[in-house]
C-alpha cells in the first residue's frame, strides 16, 4: 500500500535528477505499465506521452529531463519528478497523481501564512 509516509520517502530518496536520461529504468516502465497506459517515448524531443492520461492534463506529456526516477510497486509504477509523482496501475489504465505541498519558509510560519 502506498501511504503518505511512502510518498514522503520517495521524494526524499529521489530528490535529484539522474546523471542522464539513460540512467532511468525505462525498460521497467514499459514492462510494468507501457501497454496498459499507451506510453510512447519521442527520442528526438526526449518526451514521454502517457496515453491513459487526458491530453489536456499537464501530465499527459512530460519531458524525460524532469523525471527523477521510475519506482516499481506491487500494483503501481511511480514516475517521480521534483514536485509530483505519477502512479500508473499495472492492471487497469488508471493513474493517480500526487502533487507535493510546498514547504513553508520560516518567515511564512512566523507570519502565520498557510
C-alpha atoms as a PDB file:
ATOM      1  CA  UNK A   1       0.000   0.000   0.000  1.00  0.00           C
ATOM      2  CA  UNK A   2       1.298   3.425  -0.884  1.00  0.00           C
ATOM      3  CA  UNK A   3       0.870   5.675   2.136  1.00  0.00           C
ATOM      4  CA  UNK A   4       1.801   9.287   2.805  1.00  0.00           C
ATOM      5  CA  UNK A   5       4.926   8.032   4.575  1.00  0.00           C
ATOM      6  CA  UNK A   6       5.945   6.024   1.497  1.00  0.00           C
ATOM      7  CA  UNK A   7       5.367   9.056  -0.722  1.00  0.00           C
ATOM      8  CA  UNK A   8       7.488  11.240   1.584  1.00  0.00           C
ATOM      9  CA  UNK A   9      10.254   8.618   1.490  1.00  0.00           C
ATOM     10  CA  UNK A  10      10.139   8.566  -2.330  1.00  0.00           C
ATOM     11  CA  UNK A  11      10.554  12.348  -2.529  1.00  0.00           C
ATOM     12  CA  UNK A  12      13.419  12.186  -0.042  1.00  0.00           C
ATOM     13  CA  UNK A  13      15.243   9.316  -1.751  1.00  0.00           C
ATOM     14  CA  UNK A  14      14.814  10.600  -5.309  1.00  0.00           C
ATOM     15  CA  UNK A  15      15.493  14.291  -4.784  1.00  0.00           C
ATOM     16  CA  UNK A  16      17.864  14.769  -7.728  1.00  0.00           C
ATOM     17  CA  UNK A  17      17.771  14.139 -11.457  1.00  0.00           C
ATOM     18  CA  UNK A  18      19.807  11.199 -12.714  1.00  0.00           C
ATOM     19  CA  UNK A  19      23.098  11.983 -14.450  1.00  0.00           C
ATOM     20  CA  UNK A  20      21.449  11.224 -17.776  1.00  0.00           C
ATOM     21  CA  UNK A  21      18.158  10.020 -19.182  1.00  0.00           C
ATOM     22  CA  UNK A  22      19.867   6.696 -19.884  1.00  0.00           C
ATOM     23  CA  UNK A  23      20.032   6.074 -16.116  1.00  0.00           C
ATOM     24  CA  UNK A  24      16.228   5.905 -15.911  1.00  0.00           C
ATOM     25  CA  UNK A  25      14.814   2.395 -15.907  1.00  0.00           C
ATOM     26  CA  UNK A  26      12.551   2.918 -18.913  1.00  0.00           C
ATOM     27  CA  UNK A  27      12.514  -0.820 -19.631  1.00  0.00           C
ATOM     28  CA  UNK A  28      10.856  -1.396 -16.265  1.00  0.00           C
ATOM     29  CA  UNK A  29       8.266   1.272 -17.047  1.00  0.00           C
ATOM     30  CA  UNK A  30       7.363  -0.382 -20.340  1.00  0.00           C
ATOM     31  CA  UNK A  31       7.407  -3.855 -18.801  1.00  0.00           C
ATOM     32  CA  UNK A  32       5.016  -2.926 -15.985  1.00  0.00           C
ATOM     33  CA  UNK A  33       2.757  -0.227 -17.472  1.00  0.00           C
ATOM     34  CA  UNK A  34       3.750   0.528 -21.059  1.00  0.00           C
ATOM     35  CA  UNK A  35       0.991  -1.238 -22.976  1.00  0.00           C
ATOM     36  CA  UNK A  36      -1.735  -0.660 -20.371  1.00  0.00           C
ATOM     37  CA  UNK A  37      -1.121   3.110 -20.394  1.00  0.00           C
ATOM     38  CA  UNK A  38      -0.123   3.520 -24.049  1.00  0.00           C
ATOM     39  CA  UNK A  39       3.244   5.060 -23.166  1.00  0.00           C
ATOM     40  CA  UNK A  40       5.259   6.495 -26.033  1.00  0.00           C
ATOM     41  CA  UNK A  41       8.776   7.958 -25.975  1.00  0.00           C
ATOM     42  CA  UNK A  42       9.765  10.548 -28.575  1.00  0.00           C
ATOM     43  CA  UNK A  43      13.566  10.210 -28.850  1.00  0.00           C
ATOM     44  CA  UNK A  44      14.074  13.449 -30.777  1.00  0.00           C
ATOM     45  CA  UNK A  45      12.481  15.624 -28.104  1.00  0.00           C
ATOM     46  CA  UNK A  46      13.044  13.299 -25.116  1.00  0.00           C
ATOM     47  CA  UNK A  47       9.388  13.473 -24.158  1.00  0.00           C
ATOM     48  CA  UNK A  48       7.120  10.771 -22.820  1.00  0.00           C
ATOM     49  CA  UNK A  49       3.422  10.665 -23.638  1.00  0.00           C
ATOM     50  CA  UNK A  50       1.105   8.740 -21.346  1.00  0.00           C
ATOM     51  CA  UNK A  51      -1.955   7.854 -23.406  1.00  0.00           C
ATOM     52  CA  UNK A  52      -4.138   6.908 -20.436  1.00  0.00           C
ATOM     53  CA  UNK A  53      -3.937  10.474 -19.093  1.00  0.00           C
ATOM     54  CA  UNK A  54      -6.208  13.003 -20.796  1.00  0.00           C
ATOM     55  CA  UNK A  55      -4.480  15.169 -23.430  1.00  0.00           C
ATOM     56  CA  UNK A  56      -5.438  18.408 -21.667  1.00  0.00           C
ATOM     57  CA  UNK A  57      -3.630  17.332 -18.475  1.00  0.00           C
ATOM     58  CA  UNK A  58      -0.132  18.721 -17.839  1.00  0.00           C
ATOM     59  CA  UNK A  59       0.899  15.136 -17.040  1.00  0.00           C
ATOM     60  CA  UNK A  60      -0.098  13.734 -20.443  1.00  0.00           C
ATOM     61  CA  UNK A  61       3.258  14.678 -21.976  1.00  0.00           C
ATOM     62  CA  UNK A  62       6.338  15.193 -19.831  1.00  0.00           C
ATOM     63  CA  UNK A  63       9.979  15.785 -20.584  1.00  0.00           C
ATOM     64  CA  UNK A  64      12.238  12.922 -19.566  1.00  0.00           C
ATOM     65  CA  UNK A  65      14.634  15.568 -18.236  1.00  0.00           C
ATOM     66  CA  UNK A  66      12.076  16.203 -15.473  1.00  0.00           C
ATOM     67  CA  UNK A  67      11.862  12.553 -14.409  1.00  0.00           C
ATOM     68  CA  UNK A  68      13.976  11.749 -11.358  1.00  0.00           C
ATOM     69  CA  UNK A  69      13.208   8.019 -11.091  1.00  0.00           C
ATOM     70  CA  UNK A  70      10.900   5.175 -12.026  1.00  0.00           C
ATOM     71  CA  UNK A  71       9.954   3.114  -8.974  1.00  0.00           C
ATOM     72  CA  UNK A  72       8.013  -0.177  -9.122  1.00  0.00           C
ATOM     73  CA  UNK A  73       5.479  -1.270  -6.527  1.00  0.00           C
ATOM     74  CA  UNK A  74       3.312  -4.376  -6.375  1.00  0.00           C
ATOM     75  CA  UNK A  75       0.350  -2.888  -8.274  1.00  0.00           C
ATOM     76  CA  UNK A  76       1.716   0.501  -9.350  1.00  0.00           C
ATOM     77  CA  UNK A  77       4.707   2.079 -11.032  1.00  0.00           C
ATOM     78  CA  UNK A  78       5.724   5.548  -9.881  1.00  0.00           C
ATOM     79  CA  UNK A  79       7.203   8.184 -12.173  1.00  0.00           C
ATOM     80  CA  UNK A  80       8.960  10.525  -9.762  1.00  0.00           C
ATOM     81  CA  UNK A  81       9.528  14.198 -10.538  1.00  0.00           C
ATOM     82  CA  UNK A  82      10.590  17.146  -8.372  1.00  0.00           C
ATOM     83  CA  UNK A  83       7.162  18.133  -7.082  1.00  0.00           C
ATOM     84  CA  UNK A  84       4.880  15.364  -8.272  1.00  0.00           C
ATOM     85  CA  UNK A  85       4.604  11.620  -8.683  1.00  0.00           C
ATOM     86  CA  UNK A  86       2.533   9.863 -11.326  1.00  0.00           C
ATOM     87  CA  UNK A  87       1.342   6.424 -10.216  1.00  0.00           C
ATOM     88  CA  UNK A  88       0.346   4.067 -13.041  1.00  0.00           C
ATOM     89  CA  UNK A  89      -1.660   0.940 -12.218  1.00  0.00           C
ATOM     90  CA  UNK A  90      -0.412  -2.356 -13.695  1.00  0.00           C
ATOM     91  CA  UNK A  91      -3.815  -3.990 -14.149  1.00  0.00           C
ATOM     92  CA  UNK A  92      -6.092  -1.128 -15.251  1.00  0.00           C
ATOM     93  CA  UNK A  93      -5.485   2.038 -17.272  1.00  0.00           C
ATOM     94  CA  UNK A  94      -5.909   4.230 -14.202  1.00  0.00           C
ATOM     95  CA  UNK A  95      -3.430   6.691 -12.803  1.00  0.00           C
ATOM     96  CA  UNK A  96      -3.076   8.720  -9.656  1.00  0.00           C
ATOM     97  CA  UNK A  97      -1.045  11.875  -9.306  1.00  0.00           C
ATOM     98  CA  UNK A  98       0.443  13.175  -6.099  1.00  0.00           C
ATOM     99  CA  UNK A  99       1.429  16.838  -6.016  1.00  0.00           C
ATOM    100  CA  UNK A 100       3.911  17.774  -3.321  1.00  0.00           C
ATOM    101  CA  UNK A 101       2.797  20.529  -0.989  1.00  0.00           C
ATOM    102  CA  UNK A 102       5.286  23.399  -0.846  1.00  0.00           C
ATOM    103  CA  UNK A 103       7.041  23.704   2.470  1.00  0.00           C
ATOM    104  CA  UNK A 104       6.603  26.940   4.353  1.00  0.00           C
ATOM    105  CA  UNK A 105       9.631  29.102   4.952  1.00  0.00           C
ATOM    106  CA  UNK A 106      10.469  30.305   8.426  1.00  0.00           C
ATOM    107  CA  UNK A 107       9.127  33.754   7.509  1.00  0.00           C
ATOM    108  CA  UNK A 108       5.819  32.273   6.307  1.00  0.00           C
ATOM    109  CA  UNK A 109       5.434  30.362   9.573  1.00  0.00           C
ATOM    110  CA  UNK A 110       6.150  33.480  11.612  1.00  0.00           C
ATOM    111  CA  UNK A 111       3.560  35.450   9.640  1.00  0.00           C
ATOM    112  CA  UNK A 112       1.057  32.623  10.034  1.00  0.00           C
ATOM    113  CA  UNK A 113       0.575  32.075   6.306  1.00  0.00           C
ATOM    114  CA  UNK A 114      -0.852  28.738   5.261  1.00  0.00           C
END
